[in-house]
């Protein structure tokens, strides 16, 4: 691969024949312009992907914080609900005791 012509031939054969004919008829400056444009587009796309990954990381952190806050709020709610259920059960027990006491008083 020391000879330029051999390198040119090697890379030319890696393209389909129609593409080789198309490229052979083009001006070298337009080929260079296309190559530069492709490089710029690749770089811009890479930067856009990088920005998206960073924003996804930030959104993931926000989501995890929100999920943690929601879990804490749910625990508080469940504790309050359980407390209310216990109070209702205690009130129902006291009501039953009072009813039995009233029935006992009426019998006496």
PDB file of N, CA and C in Angstrom:
ATOM      1  N   UNK A   1       0.827  -1.203   0.000  1.00  0.00           N
ATOM      2  CA  UNK A   1       0.000   0.000   0.000  1.00  0.00           C
ATOM      3  C   UNK A   1       0.866   1.259   0.000  1.00  0.00           C
ATOM      4  N   UNK A   2       2.053   1.147  -0.541  1.00  0.00           N
ATOM      5  CA  UNK A   2       2.936   2.315  -0.628  1.00  0.00           C
ATOM      6  C   UNK A   2       2.627   3.168  -1.850  1.00  0.00           C
ATOM      7  N   UNK A   3       2.081   2.563  -2.863  1.00  0.00           N
ATOM      8  CA  UNK A   3       1.819   3.270  -4.115  1.00  0.00           C
ATOM      9  C   UNK A   3       0.419   3.893  -4.074  1.00  0.00           C
ATOM     10  N   UNK A   4       0.336   5.149  -4.469  1.00  0.00           N
ATOM     11  CA  UNK A   4      -0.935   5.874  -4.458  1.00  0.00           C
ATOM     12  C   UNK A   4      -1.930   5.242  -5.418  1.00  0.00           C
ATOM     13  N   UNK A   5      -1.476   4.822  -6.552  1.00  0.00           N
ATOM     14  CA  UNK A   5      -2.377   4.217  -7.533  1.00  0.00           C
ATOM     15  C   UNK A   5      -2.973   2.913  -7.014  1.00  0.00           C
ATOM     16  N   UNK A   6      -2.153   2.117  -6.307  1.00  0.00           N
ATOM     17  CA  UNK A   6      -2.672   0.875  -5.732  1.00  0.00           C
ATOM     18  C   UNK A   6      -3.739   1.166  -4.670  1.00  0.00           C
ATOM     19  N   UNK A   7      -3.481   2.167  -3.837  1.00  0.00           N
ATOM     20  CA  UNK A   7      -4.475   2.555  -2.816  1.00  0.00           C
ATOM     21  C   UNK A   7      -5.758   3.026  -3.479  1.00  0.00           C
ATOM     22  N   UNK A   8      -5.591   3.868  -4.516  1.00  0.00           N
ATOM     23  CA  UNK A   8      -6.764   4.379  -5.233  1.00  0.00           C
ATOM     24  C   UNK A   8      -7.564   3.233  -5.833  1.00  0.00           C
ATOM     25  N   UNK A   9      -6.871   2.292  -6.448  1.00  0.00           N
ATOM     26  CA  UNK A   9      -7.543   1.137  -7.057  1.00  0.00           C
ATOM     27  C   UNK A   9      -8.247   0.284  -5.998  1.00  0.00           C
ATOM     28  N   UNK A  10      -7.575   0.077  -4.865  1.00  0.00           N
ATOM     29  CA  UNK A  10      -8.156  -0.731  -3.788  1.00  0.00           C
ATOM     30  C   UNK A  10      -9.456  -0.115  -3.274  1.00  0.00           C
ATOM     31  N   UNK A  11      -9.442   1.178  -2.987  1.00  0.00           N
ATOM     32  CA  UNK A  11     -10.645   1.824  -2.457  1.00  0.00           C
ATOM     33  C   UNK A  11     -11.714   2.006  -3.535  1.00  0.00           C
ATOM     34  N   UNK A  12     -11.288   2.171  -4.787  1.00  0.00           N
ATOM     35  CA  UNK A  12     -12.265   2.303  -5.867  1.00  0.00           C
ATOM     36  C   UNK A  12     -13.044   1.007  -6.050  1.00  0.00           C
ATOM     37  N   UNK A  13     -12.370  -0.131  -5.862  1.00  0.00           N
ATOM     38  CA  UNK A  13     -13.045  -1.415  -6.028  1.00  0.00           C
ATOM     39  C   UNK A  13     -14.000  -1.735  -4.870  1.00  0.00           C
ATOM     40  N   UNK A  14     -13.903  -0.972  -3.795  1.00  0.00           N
ATOM     41  CA  UNK A  14     -14.816  -1.215  -2.673  1.00  0.00           C
ATOM     42  C   UNK A  14     -16.190  -0.605  -2.943  1.00  0.00           C
ATOM     43  N   UNK A  15     -16.294   0.204  -4.012  1.00  0.00           N
ATOM     44  CA  UNK A  15     -17.570   0.819  -4.368  1.00  0.00           C
ATOM     45  C   UNK A  15     -18.217   0.048  -5.509  1.00  0.00           C
ATOM     46  N   UNK A  16     -19.547   0.091  -5.583  1.00  0.00           N
ATOM     47  CA  UNK A  16     -20.221  -0.554  -6.722  1.00  0.00           C
ATOM     48  C   UNK A  16     -19.855   0.154  -8.030  1.00  0.00           C
ATOM     49  N   UNK A  17     -19.958  -0.538  -9.172  1.00  0.00           N
ATOM     50  CA  UNK A  17     -19.553   0.068 -10.455  1.00  0.00           C
ATOM     51  C   UNK A  17     -20.298   1.356 -10.789  1.00  0.00           C
ATOM     52  N   UNK A  18     -21.584   1.410 -10.513  1.00  0.00           N
ATOM     53  CA  UNK A  18     -22.342   2.634 -10.828  1.00  0.00           C
ATOM     54  C   UNK A  18     -21.828   3.803  -9.996  1.00  0.00           C
ATOM     55  N   UNK A  19     -21.496   3.561  -8.747  1.00  0.00           N
ATOM     56  CA  UNK A  19     -20.976   4.629  -7.888  1.00  0.00           C
ATOM     57  C   UNK A  19     -19.595   5.077  -8.376  1.00  0.00           C
ATOM     58  N   UNK A  20     -18.769   4.112  -8.825  1.00  0.00           N
ATOM     59  CA  UNK A  20     -17.451   4.466  -9.358  1.00  0.00           C
ATOM     60  C   UNK A  20     -17.577   5.372 -10.578  1.00  0.00           C
ATOM     61  N   UNK A  21     -18.512   5.051 -11.476  1.00  0.00           N
ATOM     62  CA  UNK A  21     -18.706   5.888 -12.674  1.00  0.00           C
ATOM     63  C   UNK A  21     -19.212   7.275 -12.285  1.00  0.00           C
ATOM     64  N   UNK A  22     -20.108   7.316 -11.323  1.00  0.00           N
ATOM     65  CA  UNK A  22     -20.654   8.602 -10.863  1.00  0.00           C
ATOM     66  C   UNK A  22     -19.532   9.451 -10.264  1.00  0.00           C
ATOM     67  N   UNK A  23     -18.716   8.848  -9.406  1.00  0.00           N
ATOM     68  CA  UNK A  23     -17.638   9.599  -8.748  1.00  0.00           C
ATOM     69  C   UNK A  23     -16.548  10.006  -9.751  1.00  0.00           C
ATOM     70  N   UNK A  24     -16.302   9.165 -10.761  1.00  0.00           N
ATOM     71  CA  UNK A  24     -15.264   9.458 -11.745  1.00  0.00           C
ATOM     72  C   UNK A  24     -15.622  10.689 -12.577  1.00  0.00           C
ATOM     73  N   UNK A  25     -16.909  10.893 -12.819  1.00  0.00           N
ATOM     74  CA  UNK A  25     -17.362  12.025 -13.627  1.00  0.00           C
ATOM     75  C   UNK A  25     -17.497  13.313 -12.820  1.00  0.00           C
ATOM     76  N   UNK A  26     -17.316  13.244 -11.523  1.00  0.00           N
ATOM     77  CA  UNK A  26     -17.476  14.450 -10.695  1.00  0.00           C
ATOM     78  C   UNK A  26     -16.157  15.190 -10.554  1.00  0.00           C
ATOM     79  N   UNK A  27     -16.277  16.463 -10.260  1.00  0.00           N
ATOM     80  CA  UNK A  27     -15.137  17.334 -10.044  1.00  0.00           C
ATOM     81  C   UNK A  27     -14.551  17.027  -8.656  1.00  0.00           C
ATOM     82  N   UNK A  28     -13.228  17.083  -8.509  1.00  0.00           N
ATOM     83  CA  UNK A  28     -12.597  16.792  -7.217  1.00  0.00           C
ATOM     84  C   UNK A  28     -13.047  17.784  -6.135  1.00  0.00           C
ATOM     85  N   UNK A  29     -13.263  19.038  -6.513  1.00  0.00           N
ATOM     86  CA  UNK A  29     -13.684  20.034  -5.528  1.00  0.00           C
ATOM     87  C   UNK A  29     -15.080  19.735  -4.985  1.00  0.00           C
ATOM     88  N   UNK A  30     -15.963  19.263  -5.850  1.00  0.00           N
ATOM     89  CA  UNK A  30     -17.305  18.910  -5.359  1.00  0.00           C
ATOM     90  C   UNK A  30     -17.237  17.675  -4.467  1.00  0.00           C
ATOM     91  N   UNK A  31     -16.326  16.734  -4.809  1.00  0.00           N
ATOM     92  CA  UNK A  31     -16.144  15.578  -3.934  1.00  0.00           C
ATOM     93  C   UNK A  31     -15.629  16.011  -2.566  1.00  0.00           C
ATOM     94  N   UNK A  32     -14.677  16.953  -2.556  1.00  0.00           N
ATOM     95  CA  UNK A  32     -14.133  17.452  -1.301  1.00  0.00           C
ATOM     96  C   UNK A  32     -15.205  18.194  -0.512  1.00  0.00           C
ATOM     97  N   UNK A  33     -16.020  19.000  -1.206  1.00  0.00           N
ATOM     98  CA  UNK A  33     -17.122  19.707  -0.532  1.00  0.00           C
ATOM     99  C   UNK A  33     -18.095  18.720   0.109  1.00  0.00           C
ATOM    100  N   UNK A  34     -18.424  17.655  -0.625  1.00  0.00           N
ATOM    101  CA  UNK A  34     -19.325  16.636  -0.070  1.00  0.00           C
ATOM    102  C   UNK A  34     -18.711  15.975   1.162  1.00  0.00           C
ATOM    103  N   UNK A  35     -17.419  15.711   1.081  1.00  0.00           N
ATOM    104  CA  UNK A  35     -16.739  15.083   2.218  1.00  0.00           C
ATOM    105  C   UNK A  35     -16.760  16.016   3.439  1.00  0.00           C
ATOM    106  N   UNK A  36     -16.494  17.293   3.222  1.00  0.00           N
ATOM    107  CA  UNK A  36     -16.510  18.256   4.336  1.00  0.00           C
ATOM    108  C   UNK A  36     -17.922  18.367   4.907  1.00  0.00           C
ATOM    109  N   UNK A  37     -18.927  18.454   4.039  1.00  0.00           N
ATOM    110  CA  UNK A  37     -20.315  18.532   4.506  1.00  0.00           C
ATOM    111  C   UNK A  37     -20.694  17.309   5.329  1.00  0.00           C
ATOM    112  N   UNK A  38     -20.292  16.151   4.872  1.00  0.00           N
ATOM    113  CA  UNK A  38     -20.594  14.917   5.603  1.00  0.00           C
ATOM    114  C   UNK A  38     -19.928  14.938   6.974  1.00  0.00           C
ATOM    115  N   UNK A  39     -18.692  15.431   7.037  1.00  0.00           N
ATOM    116  CA  UNK A  39     -18.000  15.522   8.327  1.00  0.00           C
ATOM    117  C   UNK A  39     -18.681  16.488   9.270  1.00  0.00           C
ATOM    118  N   UNK A  40     -19.091  17.634   8.748  1.00  0.00           N
ATOM    119  CA  UNK A  40     -19.786  18.630   9.576  1.00  0.00           C
ATOM    120  C   UNK A  40     -21.115  18.080  10.061  1.00  0.00           C
ATOM    121  N   UNK A  41     -21.852  17.410   9.178  1.00  0.00           N
ATOM    122  CA  UNK A  41     -23.133  16.830   9.583  1.00  0.00           C
ATOM    123  C   UNK A  41     -22.932  15.757  10.650  1.00  0.00           C
ATOM    124  N   UNK A  42     -21.880  14.951  10.493  1.00  0.00           N
ATOM    125  CA  UNK A  42     -21.586  13.925  11.494  1.00  0.00           C
ATOM    126  C   UNK A  42     -21.282  14.565  12.838  1.00  0.00           C
ATOM    127  N   UNK A  43     -20.466  15.616  12.825  1.00  0.00           N
ATOM    128  CA  UNK A  43     -20.113  16.296  14.077  1.00  0.00           C
ATOM    129  C   UNK A  43     -21.353  16.920  14.721  1.00  0.00           C
ATOM    130  N   UNK A  44     -22.193  17.568  13.909  1.00  0.00           N
ATOM    131  CA  UNK A  44     -23.405  18.186  14.453  1.00  0.00           C
ATOM    132  C   UNK A  44     -24.335  17.134  15.044  1.00  0.00           C
ATOM    133  N   UNK A  45     -24.463  16.013  14.352  1.00  0.00           N
ATOM    134  CA  UNK A  45     -25.305  14.930  14.857  1.00  0.00           C
ATOM    135  C   UNK A  45     -24.747  14.378  16.161  1.00  0.00           C
ATOM    136  N   UNK A  46     -23.440  14.218  16.224  1.00  0.00           N
ATOM    137  CA  UNK A  46     -22.813  13.716  17.454  1.00  0.00           C
ATOM    138  C   UNK A  46     -23.065  14.669  18.615  1.00  0.00           C
ATOM    139  N   UNK A  47     -22.945  15.964  18.351  1.00  0.00           N
ATOM    140  CA  UNK A  47     -23.183  16.947  19.413  1.00  0.00           C
ATOM    141  C   UNK A  47     -24.648  16.926  19.865  1.00  0.00           C
ATOM    142  N   UNK A  48     -25.561  16.753  18.923  1.00  0.00           N
ATOM    143  CA  UNK A  48     -26.984  16.684  19.272  1.00  0.00           C
ATOM    144  C   UNK A  48     -27.270  15.459  20.134  1.00  0.00           C
ATOM    145  N   UNK A  49     -26.678  14.334  19.777  1.00  0.00           N
ATOM    146  CA  UNK A  49     -26.855  13.109  20.567  1.00  0.00           C
ATOM    147  C   UNK A  49     -26.296  13.313  21.965  1.00  0.00           C
ATOM    148  N   UNK A  50     -25.141  13.939  22.060  1.00  0.00           N
ATOM    149  CA  UNK A  50     -24.531  14.201  23.364  1.00  0.00           C
ATOM    150  C   UNK A  50     -25.428  15.090  24.216  1.00  0.00           C
ATOM    151  N   UNK A  51     -25.995  16.141  23.612  1.00  0.00           N
ATOM    152  CA  UNK A  51     -26.917  17.019  24.353  1.00  0.00           C
ATOM    153  C   UNK A  51     -28.142  16.250  24.830  1.00  0.00           C
ATOM    154  N   UNK A  52     -28.664  15.375  23.966  1.00  0.00           N
ATOM    155  CA  UNK A  52     -29.830  14.580  24.352  1.00  0.00           C
ATOM    156  C   UNK A  52     -29.500  13.646  25.508  1.00  0.00           C
ATOM    157  N   UNK A  53     -28.333  13.015  25.471  1.00  0.00           N
ATOM    158  CA  UNK A  53     -27.935  12.115  26.556  1.00  0.00           C
ATOM    159  C   UNK A  53     -27.812  12.870  27.864  1.00  0.00           C
ATOM    160  N   UNK A  54     -27.233  14.066  27.802  1.00  0.00           N
ATOM    161  CA  UNK A  54     -27.106  14.864  29.024  1.00  0.00           C
ATOM    162  C   UNK A  54     -28.472  15.239  29.575  1.00  0.00           C
ATOM    163  N   UNK A  55     -29.371  15.675  28.695  1.00  0.00           N
ATOM    164  CA  UNK A  55     -30.700  16.050  29.171  1.00  0.00           C
ATOM    165  C   UNK A  55     -31.456  14.831  29.687  1.00  0.00           C
ATOM    166  N   UNK A  56     -31.231  13.648  29.057  1.00  0.00           N
ATOM    167  CA  UNK A  56     -31.868  12.428  29.554  1.00  0.00           C
ATOM    168  C   UNK A  56     -31.362  12.113  30.962  1.00  0.00           C
ATOM    169  N   UNK A  57     -30.073  12.337  31.205  1.00  0.00           N
ATOM    170  CA  UNK A  57     -29.522  12.104  32.533  1.00  0.00           C
ATOM    171  C   UNK A  57     -30.143  13.033  33.563  1.00  0.00           C
ATOM    172  N   UNK A  58     -30.320  14.301  33.188  1.00  0.00           N
ATOM    173  CA  UNK A  58     -30.953  15.247  34.099  1.00  0.00           C
ATOM    174  C   UNK A  58     -32.405  14.871  34.352  1.00  0.00           C
ATOM    175  N   UNK A  59     -33.112  14.472  33.292  1.00  0.00           N
ATOM    176  CA  UNK A  59     -34.508  14.069  33.453  1.00  0.00           C
ATOM    177  C   UNK A  59     -34.624  12.816  34.311  1.00  0.00           C
ATOM    178  N   UNK A  60     -33.661  11.910  34.159  1.00  0.00           N
ATOM    179  CA  UNK A  60     -33.673  10.694  34.970  1.00  0.00           C
ATOM    180  C   UNK A  60     -33.488  11.036  36.440  1.00  0.00           C
ATOM    181  N   UNK A  61     -32.579  11.969  36.736  1.00  0.00           N
ATOM    182  CA  UNK A  61     -32.374  12.385  38.128  1.00  0.00           C
ATOM    183  C   UNK A  61     -33.632  13.039  38.688  1.00  0.00           C
ATOM    184  N   UNK A  62     -34.264  13.906  37.891  1.00  0.00           N
ATOM    185  CA  UNK A  62     -35.508  14.539  38.330  1.00  0.00           C
ATOM    186  C   UNK A  62     -36.585  13.489  38.583  1.00  0.00           C
ATOM    187  N   UNK A  63     -36.677  12.499  37.699  1.00  0.00           N
ATOM    188  CA  UNK A  63     -37.668  11.444  37.864  1.00  0.00           C
ATOM    189  C   UNK A  63     -37.415  10.650  39.132  1.00  0.00           C
ATOM    190  N   UNK A  64     -36.148  10.312  39.394  1.00  0.00           N
ATOM    191  CA  UNK A  64     -35.823   9.548  40.600  1.00  0.00           C
ATOM    192  C   UNK A  64     -36.157  10.348  41.851  1.00  0.00           C
ATOM    193  N   UNK A  65     -35.878  11.661  41.835  1.00  0.00           N
ATOM    194  CA  UNK A  65     -36.219  12.506  42.982  1.00  0.00           C
ATOM    195  C   UNK A  65     -37.735  12.565  43.174  1.00  0.00           C
ATOM    196  N   UNK A  66     -38.462  12.703  42.078  1.00  0.00           N
ATOM    197  CA  UNK A  66     -39.926  12.741  42.161  1.00  0.00           C
ATOM    198  C   UNK A  66     -40.471  11.417  42.679  1.00  0.00           C
ATOM    199  N   UNK A  67     -39.888  10.313  42.206  1.00  0.00           N
ATOM    200  CA  UNK A  67     -40.327   8.997  42.648  1.00  0.00           C
ATOM    201  C   UNK A  67     -40.080   8.819  44.147  1.00  0.00           C
ATOM    202  N   UNK A  68     -38.935   9.308  44.627  1.00  0.00           N
ATOM    203  CA  UNK A  68     -38.614   9.215  46.044  1.00  0.00           C
ATOM    204  C   UNK A  68     -39.580  10.065  46.871  1.00  0.00           C
ATOM    205  N   UNK A  69     -39.861  11.291  46.395  1.00  0.00           N
ATOM    206  CA  UNK A  69     -40.802  12.160  47.100  1.00  0.00           C
ATOM    207  C   UNK A  69     -42.193  11.535  47.124  1.00  0.00           C
ATOM    208  N   UNK A  70     -42.596  10.926  46.014  1.00  0.00           N
ATOM    209  CA  UNK A  70     -43.910  10.279  45.967  1.00  0.00           C
ATOM    210  C   UNK A  70     -43.980   9.108  46.936  1.00  0.00           C
ATOM    211  N   UNK A  71     -42.895   8.325  47.025  1.00  0.00           N
ATOM    212  CA  UNK A  71     -42.874   7.184  47.947  1.00  0.00           C
ATOM    213  C   UNK A  71     -42.998   7.671  49.400  1.00  0.00           C
ATOM    214  N   UNK A  72     -42.312   8.766  49.718  1.00  0.00           N
ATOM    215  CA  UNK A  72     -42.423   9.323  51.069  1.00  0.00           C
ATOM    216  C   UNK A  72     -43.843   9.810  51.344  1.00  0.00           C
ATOM    217  N   UNK A  73     -44.432  10.487  50.367  1.00  0.00           N
ATOM    218  CA  UNK A  73     -45.799  10.983  50.526  1.00  0.00           C
ATOM    219  C   UNK A  73     -46.782   9.823  50.666  1.00  0.00           C
ATOM    220  N   UNK A  74     -46.575   8.762  49.904  1.00  0.00           N
ATOM    221  CA  UNK A  74     -47.439   7.591  49.996  1.00  0.00           C
ATOM    222  C   UNK A  74     -47.325   6.945  51.380  1.00  0.00           C
ATOM    223  N   UNK A  75     -46.098   6.875  51.919  1.00  0.00           N
ATOM    224  CA  UNK A  75     -45.908   6.310  53.253  1.00  0.00           C
ATOM    225  C   UNK A  75     -46.644   7.147  54.302  1.00  0.00           C
ATOM    226  N   UNK A  76     -46.555   8.466  54.173  1.00  0.00           N
ATOM    227  CA  UNK A  76     -47.285   9.342  55.108  1.00  0.00           C
ATOM    228  C   UNK A  76     -48.789   9.095  54.995  1.00  0.00           C
ATOM    229  N   UNK A  77     -49.274   9.023  53.758  1.00  0.00           N
ATOM    230  CA  UNK A  77     -50.700   8.799  53.544  1.00  0.00           C
ATOM    231  C   UNK A  77     -51.137   7.468  54.146  1.00  0.00           C
ATOM    232  N   UNK A  78     -50.346   6.404  53.895  1.00  0.00           N
ATOM    233  CA  UNK A  78     -50.702   5.096  54.432  1.00  0.00           C
ATOM    234  C   UNK A  78     -50.676   5.087  55.950  1.00  0.00           C
ATOM    235  N   UNK A  79     -49.714   5.815  56.556  1.00  0.00           N
ATOM    236  CA  UNK A  79     -49.659   5.896  58.015  1.00  0.00           C
ATOM    237  C   UNK A  79     -50.904   6.616  58.553  1.00  0.00           C
ATOM    238  N   UNK A  80     -51.288   7.717  57.898  1.00  0.00           N
ATOM    239  CA  UNK A  80     -52.501   8.438  58.313  1.00  0.00           C
ATOM    240  C   UNK A  80     -53.727   7.549  58.143  1.00  0.00           C
ATOM    241  N   UNK A  81     -53.803   6.849  57.021  1.00  0.00           N
ATOM    242  CA  UNK A  81     -54.948   5.969  56.754  1.00  0.00           C
ATOM    243  C   UNK A  81     -55.039   4.874  57.813  1.00  0.00           C
ATOM    244  N   UNK A  82     -53.889   4.286  58.144  1.00  0.00           N
ATOM    245  CA  UNK A  82     -53.869   3.232  59.151  1.00  0.00           C
ATOM    246  C   UNK A  82     -54.294   3.801  60.510  1.00  0.00           C
ATOM    247  N   UNK A  83     -53.804   5.018  60.826  1.00  0.00           N
ATOM    248  CA  UNK A  83     -54.200   5.670  62.078  1.00  0.00           C
ATOM    249  C   UNK A  83     -55.704   5.910  62.128  1.00  0.00           C
ATOM    250  N   UNK A  84     -56.258   6.366  61.024  1.00  0.00           N
ATOM    251  CA  UNK A  84     -57.702   6.593  60.972  1.00  0.00           C
ATOM    252  C   UNK A  84     -58.472   5.281  61.115  1.00  0.00           C
ATOM    253  N   UNK A  85     -57.992   4.226  60.467  1.00  0.00           N
ATOM    254  CA  UNK A  85     -58.659   2.931  60.597  1.00  0.00           C
ATOM    255  C   UNK A  85     -58.625   2.441  62.036  1.00  0.00           C
ATOM    256  N   UNK A  86     -57.504   2.641  62.701  1.00  0.00           N
ATOM    257  CA  UNK A  86     -57.416   2.235  64.106  1.00  0.00           C
ATOM    258  C   UNK A  86     -58.384   3.039  64.970  1.00  0.00           C
ATOM    259  N   UNK A  87     -58.469   4.348  64.683  1.00  0.00           N
ATOM    260  CA  UNK A  87     -59.401   5.179  65.456  1.00  0.00           C
ATOM    261  C   UNK A  87     -60.841   4.743  65.232  1.00  0.00           C
ATOM    262  N   UNK A  88     -61.176   4.425  63.967  1.00  0.00           N
ATOM    263  CA  UNK A  88     -62.536   3.976  63.668  1.00  0.00           C
ATOM    264  C   UNK A  88     -62.803   2.640  64.370  1.00  0.00           C
ATOM    265  N   UNK A  89     -61.833   1.734  64.307  1.00  0.00           N
ATOM    266  CA  UNK A  89     -62.001   0.442  64.975  1.00  0.00           C
ATOM    267  C   UNK A  89     -62.155   0.629  66.476  1.00  0.00           C
ATOM    268  N   UNK A  90     -61.376   1.526  67.050  1.00  0.00           N
ATOM    269  CA  UNK A  90     -61.467   1.806  68.491  1.00  0.00           C
ATOM    270  C   UNK A  90     -62.830   2.413  68.835  1.00  0.00           C
ATOM    271  N   UNK A  91     -63.290   3.333  67.975  1.00  0.00           N
ATOM    272  CA  UNK A  91     -64.600   3.947  68.216  1.00  0.00           C
ATOM    273  C   UNK A  91     -65.713   2.897  68.107  1.00  0.00           C
ATOM    274  N   UNK A  92     -65.623   1.995  67.128  1.00  0.00           N
ATOM    275  CA  UNK A  92     -66.629   0.935  66.990  1.00  0.00           C
ATOM    276  C   UNK A  92     -66.594  -0.003  68.200  1.00  0.00           C
ATOM    277  N   UNK A  93     -65.393  -0.297  68.689  1.00  0.00           N
ATOM    278  CA  UNK A  93     -65.277  -1.155  69.878  1.00  0.00           C
ATOM    279  C   UNK A  93     -65.914  -0.477  71.088  1.00  0.00           C
ATOM    280  N   UNK A  94     -65.638   0.820  71.245  1.00  0.00           N
ATOM    281  CA  UNK A  94     -66.232   1.558  72.366  1.00  0.00           C
ATOM    282  C   UNK A  94     -67.747   1.624  72.225  1.00  0.00           C
ATOM    283  N   UNK A  95     -68.225   1.778  70.977  1.00  0.00           N
ATOM    284  CA  UNK A  95     -69.674   1.820  70.745  1.00  0.00           C
ATOM    285  C   UNK A  95     -70.303   0.487  71.143  1.00  0.00           C
ATOM    286  N   UNK A  96     -69.671  -0.612  70.755  1.00  0.00           N
ATOM    287  CA  UNK A  96     -70.186  -1.931  71.147  1.00  0.00           C
ATOM    288  C   UNK A  96     -70.189  -2.101  72.658  1.00  0.00           C
ATOM    289  N   UNK A  97     -69.119  -1.669  73.300  1.00  0.00           N
ATOM    290  CA  UNK A  97     -69.075  -1.750  74.769  1.00  0.00           C
ATOM    291  C   UNK A  97     -70.182  -0.919  75.393  1.00  0.00           C
ATOM    292  N   UNK A  98     -70.399   0.284  74.837  1.00  0.00           N
ATOM    293  CA  UNK A  98     -71.446   1.162  75.368  1.00  0.00           C
ATOM    294  C   UNK A  98     -72.824   0.532  75.163  1.00  0.00           C
ATOM    295  N   UNK A  99     -73.028  -0.089  73.980  1.00  0.00           N
ATOM    296  CA  UNK A  99     -74.312  -0.760  73.725  1.00  0.00           C
ATOM    297  C   UNK A  99     -74.532  -1.885  74.731  1.00  0.00           C
ATOM    298  N   UNK A 100     -73.495  -2.691  74.945  1.00  0.00           N
ATOM    299  CA  UNK A 100     -73.613  -3.788  75.910  1.00  0.00           C
ATOM    300  C   UNK A 100     -73.861  -3.250  77.309  1.00  0.00           C
ATOM    301  N   UNK A 101     -73.194  -2.164  77.656  1.00  0.00           N
ATOM    302  CA  UNK A 101     -73.400  -1.552  78.965  1.00  0.00           C
ATOM    303  C   UNK A 101     -74.829  -1.029  79.095  1.00  0.00           C
ATOM    304  N   UNK A 102     -75.343  -0.409  78.018  1.00  0.00           N
ATOM    305  CA  UNK A 102     -76.722   0.095  78.035  1.00  0.00           C
ATOM    306  C   UNK A 102     -77.718  -1.064  78.142  1.00  0.00           C
ATOM    307  N   UNK A 103     -77.460  -2.153  77.398  1.00  0.00           N
ATOM    308  CA  UNK A 103     -78.337  -3.316  77.489  1.00  0.00           C
ATOM    309  C   UNK A 103     -78.311  -3.893  78.903  1.00  0.00           C
ATOM    310  N   UNK A 104     -77.132  -3.941  79.494  1.00  0.00           N
ATOM    311  CA  UNK A 104     -76.989  -4.468  80.853  1.00  0.00           C
ATOM    312  C   UNK A 104     -77.755  -3.569  81.833  1.00  0.00           C
ATOM    313  N   UNK A 105     -77.665  -2.245  81.651  1.00  0.00           N
ATOM    314  CA  UNK A 105     -78.384  -1.310  82.542  1.00  0.00           C
ATOM    315  C   UNK A 105     -79.891  -1.469  82.382  1.00  0.00           C
ATOM    316  N   UNK A 106     -80.325  -1.670  81.115  1.00  0.00           N
ATOM    317  CA  UNK A 106     -81.771  -1.829  80.906  1.00  0.00           C
ATOM    318  C   UNK A 106     -82.275  -3.103  81.551  1.00  0.00           C
ATOM    319  N   UNK A 107     -81.479  -4.162  81.512  1.00  0.00           N
ATOM    320  CA  UNK A 107     -81.877  -5.403  82.145  1.00  0.00           C
ATOM    321  C   UNK A 107     -81.963  -5.255  83.662  1.00  0.00           C
ATOM    322  N   UNK A 108     -81.006  -4.504  84.205  1.00  0.00           N
ATOM    323  CA  UNK A 108     -80.984  -4.308  85.658  1.00  0.00           C
ATOM    324  C   UNK A 108     -82.109  -3.377  86.028  1.00  0.00           C
TER     325      UNK A 108
END
